[in-house]
Amino acid sequence: MLYEHLGASPRIHPGAVVAPSAVISGDVTIGDGCQVLHGAVITAEGGPVTLGDHVIVMENALVRASGAHPVRIGSHVLVGPLASVAGATIADEVFLATGTRTFNGARIGARSEVRVNGVVHLRTVLPEESVVPIGWVAVGDPAEILPPERHDRIWELQHDLDFPGFVFGLDRDTPDLMVQLTERYGSALARHARDRPAG
């Protein structure tokens, strides 16, 4: 289904194929030869999503932009089943395997691979031809690529990247952080009440 959101409708190249059960919402541009499979969601929550040519977004993947963090995916990229990309820039010829997570402000260089269940954290920069192994976490700029059992080091790097501040504009030490976060974010998401089918 295609939806108009905040006055913007998806723009899909005639050479692209979008499965009938996929959801494409708002200021989304999909290039020639793209394939968006069943259950995928591509949503522009106030900022644009741009897919180059020959991008494959597989089943139940999520691609989400926000007003502060657009999404730009280059050409010849595969976004695997159950993968998510939020507010990130993905260069050409990148492979994001099943279950990967790429967070706001991240940049993944050309011909990189993020393997099954790998994570590219907030504001992390992966140079060209990087590999994040299965289940590992890339964090920082320049990125450190760490196994999940190195949680203390991951948290040390992640803390200064300031997820609540960077994504939601809230100080991590706010006493009622989740109250503030859910009310603010919920208010922004409520704009979907005015969405309508496009085209």
N, C-alpha and C. Protein backbone atom coordinates (compact mmCIF):
# COMPACT_ATOMS: atom_id res chain seq x y z
N MET A 1 0.84 -1.18 0.00
CA MET A 1 0.00 0.00 0.00
C MET A 1 0.88 1.25 0.00
N LEU A 2 0.46 2.22 -0.74
CA LEU A 2 1.14 3.51 -0.78
C LEU A 2 0.30 4.51 -0.01
N TYR A 3 0.99 5.30 0.85
CA TYR A 3 0.28 6.29 1.66
C TYR A 3 0.90 7.67 1.50
N GLU A 4 0.01 8.66 1.42
CA GLU A 4 0.44 10.05 1.54
C GLU A 4 0.61 10.35 3.02
N HIS A 5 1.74 10.95 3.38
CA HIS A 5 2.00 11.31 4.78
C HIS A 5 2.61 12.71 4.79
N LEU A 6 2.05 13.60 5.61
CA LEU A 6 2.50 14.98 5.73
C LEU A 6 2.52 15.67 4.36
N GLY A 7 1.54 15.34 3.52
CA GLY A 7 1.40 15.97 2.23
C GLY A 7 2.30 15.41 1.14
N ALA A 8 3.12 14.41 1.44
CA ALA A 8 4.03 13.83 0.45
C ALA A 8 3.61 12.41 0.11
N SER A 9 3.70 12.08 -1.17
CA SER A 9 3.37 10.73 -1.63
C SER A 9 4.62 10.05 -2.18
N PRO A 10 4.69 8.73 -2.09
CA PRO A 10 5.83 7.99 -2.63
C PRO A 10 5.96 8.20 -4.14
N ARG A 11 7.22 8.18 -4.60
CA ARG A 11 7.53 8.24 -6.02
C ARG A 11 8.30 6.96 -6.36
N ILE A 12 7.68 6.14 -7.19
CA ILE A 12 8.24 4.82 -7.49
C ILE A 12 8.50 4.72 -8.99
N HIS A 13 9.74 4.43 -9.35
CA HIS A 13 10.11 4.29 -10.75
C HIS A 13 9.27 3.18 -11.39
N PRO A 14 8.85 3.37 -12.64
CA PRO A 14 8.04 2.33 -13.29
C PRO A 14 8.75 0.99 -13.41
N GLY A 15 10.07 0.98 -13.34
CA GLY A 15 10.81 -0.27 -13.42
C GLY A 15 10.99 -0.96 -12.08
N ALA A 16 10.45 -0.39 -11.00
CA ALA A 16 10.53 -1.00 -9.67
C ALA A 16 9.30 -1.86 -9.44
N VAL A 17 9.43 -2.83 -8.53
CA VAL A 17 8.30 -3.69 -8.16
C VAL A 17 8.13 -3.62 -6.65
N VAL A 18 6.91 -3.28 -6.23
CA VAL A 18 6.57 -3.21 -4.80
C VAL A 18 5.47 -4.22 -4.55
N ALA A 19 5.72 -5.16 -3.64
CA ALA A 19 4.71 -6.18 -3.31
C ALA A 19 3.46 -5.52 -2.76
N PRO A 20 2.30 -6.10 -3.02
CA PRO A 20 1.05 -5.48 -2.56
C PRO A 20 0.94 -5.39 -1.05
N SER A 21 1.65 -6.23 -0.30
CA SER A 21 1.57 -6.17 1.16
C SER A 21 2.66 -5.30 1.78
N ALA A 22 3.52 -4.69 0.97
CA ALA A 22 4.50 -3.74 1.49
C ALA A 22 3.80 -2.41 1.78
N VAL A 23 4.37 -1.62 2.70
CA VAL A 23 3.84 -0.30 3.02
C VAL A 23 4.90 0.73 2.68
N ILE A 24 4.54 1.69 1.84
CA ILE A 24 5.43 2.78 1.47
C ILE A 24 4.69 4.07 1.84
N SER A 25 5.29 4.86 2.74
CA SER A 25 4.57 5.99 3.31
C SER A 25 5.38 7.28 3.23
N GLY A 26 4.79 8.32 2.62
CA GLY A 26 5.37 9.66 2.65
C GLY A 26 6.40 9.91 1.58
N ASP A 27 7.38 10.75 1.91
CA ASP A 27 8.38 11.26 0.98
C ASP A 27 9.44 10.20 0.69
N VAL A 28 9.04 9.20 -0.08
CA VAL A 28 9.90 8.05 -0.41
C VAL A 28 10.11 8.03 -1.92
N THR A 29 11.37 7.91 -2.33
CA THR A 29 11.72 7.76 -3.74
C THR A 29 12.37 6.40 -3.92
N ILE A 30 11.83 5.62 -4.84
CA ILE A 30 12.34 4.27 -5.12
C ILE A 30 12.79 4.23 -6.58
N GLY A 31 14.06 3.84 -6.79
CA GLY A 31 14.66 3.89 -8.12
C GLY A 31 14.34 2.69 -9.00
N ASP A 32 14.89 2.74 -10.20
CA ASP A 32 14.67 1.72 -11.23
C ASP A 32 15.21 0.37 -10.77
N GLY A 33 14.48 -0.68 -11.07
CA GLY A 33 14.93 -2.03 -10.79
C GLY A 33 14.85 -2.45 -9.33
N CYS A 34 14.30 -1.60 -8.47
CA CYS A 34 14.17 -1.96 -7.06
C CYS A 34 13.10 -3.02 -6.88
N GLN A 35 13.27 -3.83 -5.83
CA GLN A 35 12.29 -4.84 -5.45
C GLN A 35 12.01 -4.65 -3.96
N VAL A 36 10.75 -4.39 -3.62
CA VAL A 36 10.34 -4.25 -2.22
C VAL A 36 9.38 -5.41 -1.96
N LEU A 37 9.79 -6.34 -1.10
CA LEU A 37 9.06 -7.60 -0.94
C LEU A 37 7.98 -7.52 0.13
N HIS A 38 7.24 -8.61 0.28
CA HIS A 38 6.08 -8.66 1.16
C HIS A 38 6.42 -8.28 2.60
N GLY A 39 5.58 -7.44 3.16
CA GLY A 39 5.71 -7.07 4.57
C GLY A 39 6.73 -5.99 4.85
N ALA A 40 7.50 -5.57 3.87
CA ALA A 40 8.48 -4.50 4.09
C ALA A 40 7.75 -3.19 4.36
N VAL A 41 8.36 -2.34 5.18
CA VAL A 41 7.82 -1.01 5.47
C VAL A 41 8.91 0.00 5.20
N ILE A 42 8.60 0.97 4.35
CA ILE A 42 9.50 2.08 4.07
C ILE A 42 8.72 3.34 4.38
N THR A 43 9.14 4.07 5.43
CA THR A 43 8.34 5.19 5.92
C THR A 43 9.19 6.43 6.17
N ALA A 44 8.71 7.53 5.63
CA ALA A 44 9.37 8.83 5.78
C ALA A 44 8.62 9.61 6.85
N GLU A 45 9.14 9.58 8.07
CA GLU A 45 8.49 10.24 9.20
C GLU A 45 8.95 11.70 9.31
N GLY A 46 8.74 12.47 8.23
CA GLY A 46 9.12 13.88 8.25
C GLY A 46 10.40 14.18 7.51
N GLY A 47 11.21 13.17 7.21
CA GLY A 47 12.41 13.32 6.39
C GLY A 47 12.35 12.32 5.26
N PRO A 48 13.06 12.57 4.16
CA PRO A 48 12.94 11.70 2.99
C PRO A 48 13.68 10.38 3.12
N VAL A 49 13.18 9.39 2.37
CA VAL A 49 13.86 8.12 2.14
C VAL A 49 14.13 8.03 0.65
N THR A 50 15.38 7.78 0.28
CA THR A 50 15.74 7.66 -1.13
C THR A 50 16.46 6.34 -1.34
N LEU A 51 15.92 5.52 -2.24
CA LEU A 51 16.56 4.28 -2.65
C LEU A 51 17.07 4.47 -4.06
N GLY A 52 18.34 4.14 -4.29
CA GLY A 52 18.91 4.21 -5.64
C GLY A 52 18.31 3.14 -6.53
N ASP A 53 19.07 2.71 -7.52
CA ASP A 53 18.59 1.69 -8.45
C ASP A 53 18.99 0.29 -7.98
N HIS A 54 18.15 -0.67 -8.28
CA HIS A 54 18.42 -2.09 -8.02
C HIS A 54 18.66 -2.37 -6.53
N VAL A 55 17.88 -1.72 -5.68
CA VAL A 55 17.90 -2.00 -4.25
C VAL A 55 16.84 -3.07 -3.98
N ILE A 56 17.19 -4.05 -3.16
CA ILE A 56 16.24 -5.08 -2.76
C ILE A 56 15.97 -4.92 -1.28
N VAL A 57 14.71 -4.70 -0.94
CA VAL A 57 14.28 -4.62 0.46
C VAL A 57 13.43 -5.86 0.70
N MET A 58 13.96 -6.79 1.49
CA MET A 58 13.34 -8.10 1.61
C MET A 58 12.21 -8.13 2.64
N GLU A 59 11.62 -9.30 2.82
CA GLU A 59 10.42 -9.45 3.64
C GLU A 59 10.61 -8.91 5.04
N ASN A 60 9.63 -8.13 5.47
CA ASN A 60 9.52 -7.61 6.83
C ASN A 60 10.69 -6.73 7.26
N ALA A 61 11.42 -6.18 6.30
CA ALA A 61 12.45 -5.19 6.63
C ALA A 61 11.78 -3.84 6.90
N LEU A 62 12.48 -2.99 7.66
CA LEU A 62 11.99 -1.66 7.98
C LEU A 62 13.04 -0.63 7.60
N VAL A 63 12.62 0.36 6.82
CA VAL A 63 13.47 1.50 6.49
C VAL A 63 12.70 2.74 6.93
N ARG A 64 13.29 3.52 7.87
CA ARG A 64 12.55 4.63 8.49
C ARG A 64 13.44 5.87 8.57
N ALA A 65 12.91 6.99 8.05
CA ALA A 65 13.57 8.28 8.19
C ALA A 65 12.80 9.12 9.19
N SER A 66 13.48 10.12 9.76
CA SER A 66 12.79 11.10 10.61
C SER A 66 13.12 12.49 10.08
N GLY A 67 12.50 13.51 10.67
CA GLY A 67 12.77 14.87 10.24
C GLY A 67 14.23 15.24 10.37
N ALA A 68 14.88 14.74 11.39
CA ALA A 68 16.29 15.06 11.62
C ALA A 68 17.24 14.10 10.91
N HIS A 69 16.75 12.92 10.55
CA HIS A 69 17.63 11.87 10.03
C HIS A 69 17.03 11.21 8.79
N PRO A 70 17.29 11.75 7.60
CA PRO A 70 16.81 11.10 6.38
C PRO A 70 17.54 9.78 6.14
N VAL A 71 17.03 9.01 5.22
CA VAL A 71 17.68 7.76 4.81
C VAL A 71 18.07 7.89 3.35
N ARG A 72 19.32 7.54 3.05
CA ARG A 72 19.79 7.48 1.67
C ARG A 72 20.45 6.13 1.47
N ILE A 73 19.87 5.33 0.59
CA ILE A 73 20.43 4.02 0.26
C ILE A 73 20.88 4.08 -1.19
N GLY A 74 22.15 3.77 -1.43
CA GLY A 74 22.70 3.81 -2.78
C GLY A 74 22.14 2.70 -3.66
N SER A 75 22.81 2.45 -4.76
CA SER A 75 22.36 1.44 -5.72
C SER A 75 22.99 0.08 -5.43
N HIS A 76 22.29 -0.97 -5.86
CA HIS A 76 22.76 -2.36 -5.73
C HIS A 76 23.00 -2.73 -4.27
N VAL A 77 22.04 -2.39 -3.43
CA VAL A 77 22.07 -2.69 -1.99
C VAL A 77 21.01 -3.74 -1.70
N LEU A 78 21.34 -4.69 -0.82
CA LEU A 78 20.35 -5.66 -0.36
C LEU A 78 20.12 -5.44 1.13
N VAL A 79 18.85 -5.20 1.48
CA VAL A 79 18.42 -5.07 2.88
C VAL A 79 17.67 -6.36 3.19
N GLY A 80 18.26 -7.20 4.03
CA GLY A 80 17.75 -8.54 4.26
C GLY A 80 16.45 -8.60 5.04
N PRO A 81 15.85 -9.79 5.12
CA PRO A 81 14.62 -9.98 5.89
C PRO A 81 14.82 -9.55 7.34
N LEU A 82 13.84 -8.88 7.88
CA LEU A 82 13.82 -8.45 9.28
C LEU A 82 14.93 -7.45 9.63
N ALA A 83 15.62 -6.91 8.64
CA ALA A 83 16.63 -5.89 8.89
C ALA A 83 15.93 -4.55 9.12
N SER A 84 16.63 -3.63 9.81
CA SER A 84 16.09 -2.27 9.94
C SER A 84 17.19 -1.26 9.70
N VAL A 85 16.78 -0.19 9.03
CA VAL A 85 17.65 0.95 8.76
C VAL A 85 16.88 2.17 9.22
N ALA A 86 17.43 2.91 10.18
CA ALA A 86 16.77 4.11 10.70
C ALA A 86 17.70 5.30 10.54
N GLY A 87 17.30 6.27 9.74
CA GLY A 87 18.02 7.54 9.65
C GLY A 87 19.49 7.41 9.30
N ALA A 88 19.84 6.54 8.36
CA ALA A 88 21.24 6.26 8.04
C ALA A 88 21.51 6.46 6.56
N THR A 89 22.79 6.51 6.23
CA THR A 89 23.24 6.61 4.84
C THR A 89 24.00 5.34 4.49
N ILE A 90 23.55 4.66 3.45
CA ILE A 90 24.14 3.41 3.01
C ILE A 90 24.67 3.62 1.59
N ALA A 91 25.95 3.41 1.38
CA ALA A 91 26.55 3.61 0.06
C ALA A 91 26.20 2.46 -0.88
N ASP A 92 26.74 2.50 -2.09
CA ASP A 92 26.46 1.49 -3.11
C ASP A 92 27.04 0.13 -2.73
N GLU A 93 26.36 -0.92 -3.22
CA GLU A 93 26.83 -2.30 -3.16
C GLU A 93 27.06 -2.81 -1.74
N VAL A 94 26.18 -2.42 -0.85
CA VAL A 94 26.25 -2.86 0.56
C VAL A 94 25.29 -4.02 0.77
N PHE A 95 25.71 -4.97 1.59
CA PHE A 95 24.87 -6.11 1.97
C PHE A 95 24.54 -6.00 3.45
N LEU A 96 23.25 -5.85 3.75
CA LEU A 96 22.75 -5.83 5.13
C LEU A 96 21.96 -7.13 5.31
N ALA A 97 22.53 -8.08 6.01
CA ALA A 97 21.96 -9.42 6.10
C ALA A 97 20.72 -9.46 7.01
N THR A 98 20.13 -10.64 7.10
CA THR A 98 18.94 -10.86 7.92
C THR A 98 19.15 -10.37 9.35
N GLY A 99 18.18 -9.59 9.83
CA GLY A 99 18.17 -9.18 11.23
C GLY A 99 19.17 -8.10 11.60
N THR A 100 19.83 -7.48 10.64
CA THR A 100 20.78 -6.41 10.98
C THR A 100 20.04 -5.17 11.44
N ARG A 101 20.74 -4.33 12.19
CA ARG A 101 20.19 -3.06 12.68
C ARG A 101 21.19 -1.96 12.38
N THR A 102 20.71 -0.91 11.70
CA THR A 102 21.54 0.25 11.40
C THR A 102 20.82 1.47 11.94
N PHE A 103 21.47 2.20 12.83
CA PHE A 103 20.82 3.26 13.59
C PHE A 103 21.09 4.67 13.04
N ASN A 104 20.36 5.63 13.59
CA ASN A 104 20.38 7.02 13.16
C ASN A 104 21.79 7.59 13.09
N GLY A 105 22.04 8.31 12.01
CA GLY A 105 23.31 8.99 11.85
C GLY A 105 24.45 8.10 11.41
N ALA A 106 24.20 6.78 11.26
CA ALA A 106 25.26 5.87 10.81
C ALA A 106 25.51 6.09 9.32
N ARG A 107 26.76 5.80 8.93
CA ARG A 107 27.16 5.85 7.52
C ARG A 107 27.94 4.57 7.21
N ILE A 108 27.46 3.84 6.21
CA ILE A 108 28.12 2.58 5.83
C ILE A 108 28.72 2.77 4.44
N GLY A 109 30.03 2.55 4.33
CA GLY A 109 30.75 2.75 3.09
C GLY A 109 30.47 1.68 2.05
N ALA A 110 30.80 2.00 0.82
CA ALA A 110 30.54 1.13 -0.32
C ALA A 110 31.15 -0.25 -0.13
N ARG A 111 30.43 -1.23 -0.66
CA ARG A 111 30.87 -2.63 -0.70
C ARG A 111 31.12 -3.23 0.68
N SER A 112 30.45 -2.70 1.68
CA SER A 112 30.55 -3.26 3.04
C SER A 112 29.51 -4.34 3.24
N GLU A 113 29.76 -5.18 4.26
CA GLU A 113 28.82 -6.23 4.64
C GLU A 113 28.55 -6.14 6.13
N VAL A 114 27.27 -6.17 6.48
CA VAL A 114 26.88 -6.33 7.88
C VAL A 114 26.17 -7.68 7.90
N ARG A 115 26.79 -8.64 8.54
CA ARG A 115 26.30 -10.02 8.48
C ARG A 115 25.18 -10.26 9.49
N VAL A 116 24.58 -11.44 9.44
CA VAL A 116 23.35 -11.77 10.18
C VAL A 116 23.40 -11.23 11.62
N ASN A 117 22.36 -10.46 11.96
CA ASN A 117 22.16 -9.89 13.30
C ASN A 117 23.26 -8.93 13.73
N GLY A 118 24.06 -8.44 12.79
CA GLY A 118 25.04 -7.42 13.11
C GLY A 118 24.37 -6.07 13.37
N VAL A 119 25.06 -5.21 14.11
CA VAL A 119 24.55 -3.89 14.47
C VAL A 119 25.55 -2.82 14.06
N VAL A 120 25.05 -1.78 13.40
CA VAL A 120 25.85 -0.57 13.16
C VAL A 120 25.17 0.51 13.98
N HIS A 121 25.85 0.91 15.05
CA HIS A 121 25.20 1.75 16.05
C HIS A 121 25.10 3.20 15.62
N LEU A 122 24.38 3.93 16.42
CA LEU A 122 24.15 5.36 16.29
C LEU A 122 25.44 6.11 15.92
N ARG A 123 25.38 6.95 14.90
CA ARG A 123 26.47 7.85 14.52
C ARG A 123 27.79 7.13 14.21
N THR A 124 27.70 5.87 13.88
CA THR A 124 28.89 5.06 13.57
C THR A 124 29.22 5.21 12.10
N VAL A 125 30.51 5.26 11.80
CA VAL A 125 30.96 5.38 10.42
C VAL A 125 31.81 4.17 10.07
N LEU A 126 31.30 3.38 9.11
CA LEU A 126 32.05 2.23 8.60
C LEU A 126 32.70 2.62 7.28
N PRO A 127 34.02 2.48 7.16
CA PRO A 127 34.66 2.79 5.88
C PRO A 127 34.28 1.77 4.81
N GLU A 128 34.62 2.08 3.58
CA GLU A 128 34.37 1.17 2.47
C GLU A 128 34.94 -0.21 2.76
N GLU A 129 34.24 -1.22 2.25
CA GLU A 129 34.67 -2.61 2.31
C GLU A 129 34.86 -3.14 3.74
N SER A 130 34.09 -2.60 4.67
CA SER A 130 34.10 -3.10 6.05
C SER A 130 33.25 -4.36 6.14
N VAL A 131 33.54 -5.17 7.17
CA VAL A 131 32.72 -6.34 7.47
C VAL A 131 32.40 -6.32 8.96
N VAL A 132 31.11 -6.40 9.28
CA VAL A 132 30.68 -6.60 10.66
C VAL A 132 30.28 -8.07 10.75
N PRO A 133 31.02 -8.90 11.51
CA PRO A 133 30.73 -10.33 11.57
C PRO A 133 29.35 -10.63 12.17
N ILE A 134 28.93 -11.87 12.03
CA ILE A 134 27.63 -12.31 12.54
C ILE A 134 27.50 -11.95 14.01
N GLY A 135 26.44 -11.17 14.32
CA GLY A 135 26.11 -10.83 15.69
C GLY A 135 27.01 -9.79 16.35
N TRP A 136 27.98 -9.24 15.63
CA TRP A 136 28.90 -8.27 16.21
C TRP A 136 28.30 -6.86 16.13
N VAL A 137 28.96 -5.91 16.80
CA VAL A 137 28.47 -4.54 16.90
C VAL A 137 29.57 -3.59 16.44
N ALA A 138 29.21 -2.70 15.50
CA ALA A 138 30.11 -1.62 15.09
C ALA A 138 29.64 -0.36 15.80
N VAL A 139 30.58 0.34 16.44
CA VAL A 139 30.20 1.53 17.20
C VAL A 139 31.32 2.56 17.15
N GLY A 140 30.94 3.82 16.89
CA GLY A 140 31.88 4.92 16.95
C GLY A 140 32.34 5.43 15.60
N ASP A 141 33.11 6.51 15.65
CA ASP A 141 33.69 7.14 14.47
C ASP A 141 35.10 7.60 14.82
N PRO A 142 36.11 6.82 14.41
CA PRO A 142 36.03 5.65 13.53
C PRO A 142 35.43 4.45 14.27
N ALA A 143 34.84 3.56 13.50
CA ALA A 143 34.13 2.43 14.09
C ALA A 143 35.10 1.44 14.73
N GLU A 144 34.70 0.94 15.90
CA GLU A 144 35.28 -0.26 16.47
C GLU A 144 34.26 -1.36 16.23
N ILE A 145 34.73 -2.53 15.81
CA ILE A 145 33.85 -3.66 15.52
C ILE A 145 34.13 -4.71 16.58
N LEU A 146 33.12 -4.95 17.43
CA LEU A 146 33.32 -5.72 18.66
C LEU A 146 32.33 -6.88 18.76
N PRO A 147 32.76 -7.99 19.37
CA PRO A 147 31.82 -9.09 19.62
C PRO A 147 30.86 -8.69 20.75
N PRO A 148 29.68 -9.28 20.78
CA PRO A 148 28.68 -8.86 21.77
C PRO A 148 29.13 -9.04 23.21
N GLU A 149 30.03 -9.98 23.48
CA GLU A 149 30.48 -10.16 24.87
C GLU A 149 31.35 -9.01 25.36
N ARG A 150 31.73 -8.09 24.47
CA ARG A 150 32.48 -6.90 24.88
C ARG A 150 31.53 -5.76 25.22
N HIS A 151 30.42 -6.09 25.88
CA HIS A 151 29.39 -5.11 26.17
C HIS A 151 29.92 -3.89 26.90
N ASP A 152 30.82 -4.07 27.86
CA ASP A 152 31.34 -2.92 28.60
C ASP A 152 32.01 -1.92 27.67
N ARG A 153 32.79 -2.41 26.70
CA ARG A 153 33.45 -1.51 25.74
C ARG A 153 32.42 -0.90 24.79
N ILE A 154 31.45 -1.69 24.35
CA ILE A 154 30.39 -1.16 23.48
C ILE A 154 29.66 -0.04 24.20
N TRP A 155 29.29 -0.26 25.46
CA TRP A 155 28.57 0.76 26.22
C TRP A 155 29.43 2.00 26.43
N GLU A 156 30.71 1.81 26.69
CA GLU A 156 31.62 2.94 26.88
C GLU A 156 31.61 3.84 25.64
N LEU A 157 31.69 3.24 24.46
CA LEU A 157 31.67 4.01 23.22
C LEU A 157 30.27 4.56 22.94
N GLN A 158 29.26 3.74 23.17
CA GLN A 158 27.89 4.12 22.87
C GLN A 158 27.41 5.26 23.76
N HIS A 159 27.80 5.28 25.01
CA HIS A 159 27.33 6.29 25.95
C HIS A 159 27.57 7.70 25.43
N ASP A 160 28.77 7.93 24.91
CA ASP A 160 29.10 9.27 24.42
C ASP A 160 28.40 9.60 23.10
N LEU A 161 27.90 8.61 22.40
CA LEU A 161 27.15 8.87 21.18
C LEU A 161 25.75 9.41 21.48
N ASP A 162 25.29 9.23 22.72
CA ASP A 162 24.09 9.89 23.24
C ASP A 162 22.82 9.59 22.45
N PHE A 163 22.39 8.33 22.51
CA PHE A 163 21.18 7.93 21.79
C PHE A 163 19.96 8.80 22.13
N PRO A 164 19.59 8.98 23.42
CA PRO A 164 18.37 9.75 23.68
C PRO A 164 18.49 11.21 23.25
N GLY A 165 19.67 11.78 23.36
CA GLY A 165 19.84 13.16 22.93
C GLY A 165 19.83 13.31 21.43
N PHE A 166 20.56 12.42 20.74
CA PHE A 166 20.70 12.53 19.29
C PHE A 166 19.40 12.21 18.57
N VAL A 167 18.68 11.20 19.03
CA VAL A 167 17.47 10.77 18.33
C VAL A 167 16.23 11.51 18.82
N PHE A 168 16.13 11.72 20.14
CA PHE A 168 14.89 12.26 20.70
C PHE A 168 15.05 13.65 21.31
N GLY A 169 16.27 14.18 21.35
CA GLY A 169 16.48 15.51 21.92
C GLY A 169 16.28 15.56 23.42
N LEU A 170 16.53 14.46 24.11
CA LEU A 170 16.32 14.39 25.56
C LEU A 170 17.61 13.99 26.26
N ASP A 171 17.88 14.60 27.39
CA ASP A 171 19.06 14.27 28.18
C ASP A 171 18.88 12.90 28.83
N ARG A 172 19.91 12.07 28.75
CA ARG A 172 19.86 10.72 29.30
C ARG A 172 19.51 10.74 30.79
N ASP A 173 19.88 11.81 31.50
CA ASP A 173 19.66 11.88 32.95
C ASP A 173 18.30 12.46 33.33
N THR A 174 17.43 12.70 32.36
CA THR A 174 16.08 13.17 32.67
C THR A 174 15.42 12.16 33.60
N PRO A 175 14.90 12.59 34.77
CA PRO A 175 14.33 11.63 35.74
C PRO A 175 13.20 10.79 35.16
N ASP A 176 12.37 11.38 34.33
CA ASP A 176 11.25 10.64 33.75
C ASP A 176 11.48 10.47 32.24
N LEU A 177 12.68 10.00 31.89
CA LEU A 177 13.09 9.92 30.49
C LEU A 177 12.06 9.20 29.62
N MET A 178 11.62 8.02 30.02
CA MET A 178 10.70 7.27 29.17
C MET A 178 9.33 7.93 29.08
N VAL A 179 8.90 8.64 30.13
CA VAL A 179 7.65 9.39 30.05
C VAL A 179 7.78 10.48 28.99
N GLN A 180 8.86 11.27 29.08
CA GLN A 180 9.09 12.34 28.12
C GLN A 180 9.23 11.78 26.69
N LEU A 181 10.00 10.71 26.57
CA LEU A 181 10.27 10.14 25.26
C LEU A 181 9.00 9.62 24.60
N THR A 182 8.23 8.83 25.33
CA THR A 182 7.04 8.23 24.71
C THR A 182 5.97 9.28 24.40
N GLU A 183 5.84 10.28 25.25
CA GLU A 183 4.84 11.32 24.96
C GLU A 183 5.26 12.17 23.76
N ARG A 184 6.52 12.55 23.70
CA ARG A 184 7.00 13.37 22.58
C ARG A 184 6.95 12.57 21.27
N TYR A 185 7.48 11.36 21.29
CA TYR A 185 7.51 10.54 20.08
C TYR A 185 6.10 10.14 19.66
N GLY A 186 5.27 9.79 20.63
CA GLY A 186 3.88 9.44 20.33
C GLY A 186 3.14 10.58 19.66
N SER A 187 3.39 11.80 20.11
CA SER A 187 2.77 12.96 19.49
C SER A 187 3.19 13.11 18.04
N ALA A 188 4.47 12.90 17.76
CA ALA A 188 4.95 12.98 16.38
C ALA A 188 4.34 11.87 15.52
N LEU A 189 4.28 10.66 16.06
CA LEU A 189 3.73 9.54 15.29
C LEU A 189 2.23 9.68 15.06
N ALA A 190 1.54 10.42 15.93
CA ALA A 190 0.10 10.61 15.77
C ALA A 190 -0.25 11.33 14.47
N ARG A 191 0.75 11.94 13.84
CA ARG A 191 0.49 12.59 12.54
C ARG A 191 0.01 11.58 11.51
N HIS A 192 0.23 10.30 11.74
CA HIS A 192 -0.24 9.27 10.81
C HIS A 192 -1.78 9.18 10.79
N ALA A 193 -2.43 9.75 11.75
CA ALA A 193 -3.90 9.73 11.77
C ALA A 193 -4.48 10.41 10.53
N ARG A 194 -3.69 11.29 9.91
CA ARG A 194 -4.16 12.02 8.73
C ARG A 194 -3.65 11.41 7.42
N ASP A 195 -2.97 10.27 7.50
CA ASP A 195 -2.50 9.62 6.27
C ASP A 195 -3.68 9.15 5.44
N ARG A 196 -3.45 9.06 4.13
CA ARG A 196 -4.48 8.52 3.25
C ARG A 196 -3.82 7.77 2.12
N PRO A 197 -4.53 6.81 1.55
CA PRO A 197 -3.94 6.06 0.43
C PRO A 197 -3.53 7.01 -0.70
N ALA A 198 -2.37 6.74 -1.29
CA ALA A 198 -1.85 7.57 -2.38
C ALA A 198 -2.01 6.82 -3.69
N GLY A 199 -2.30 7.59 -4.74
CA GLY A 199 -2.35 7.05 -6.10
C GLY A 199 -3.34 5.98 -6.26
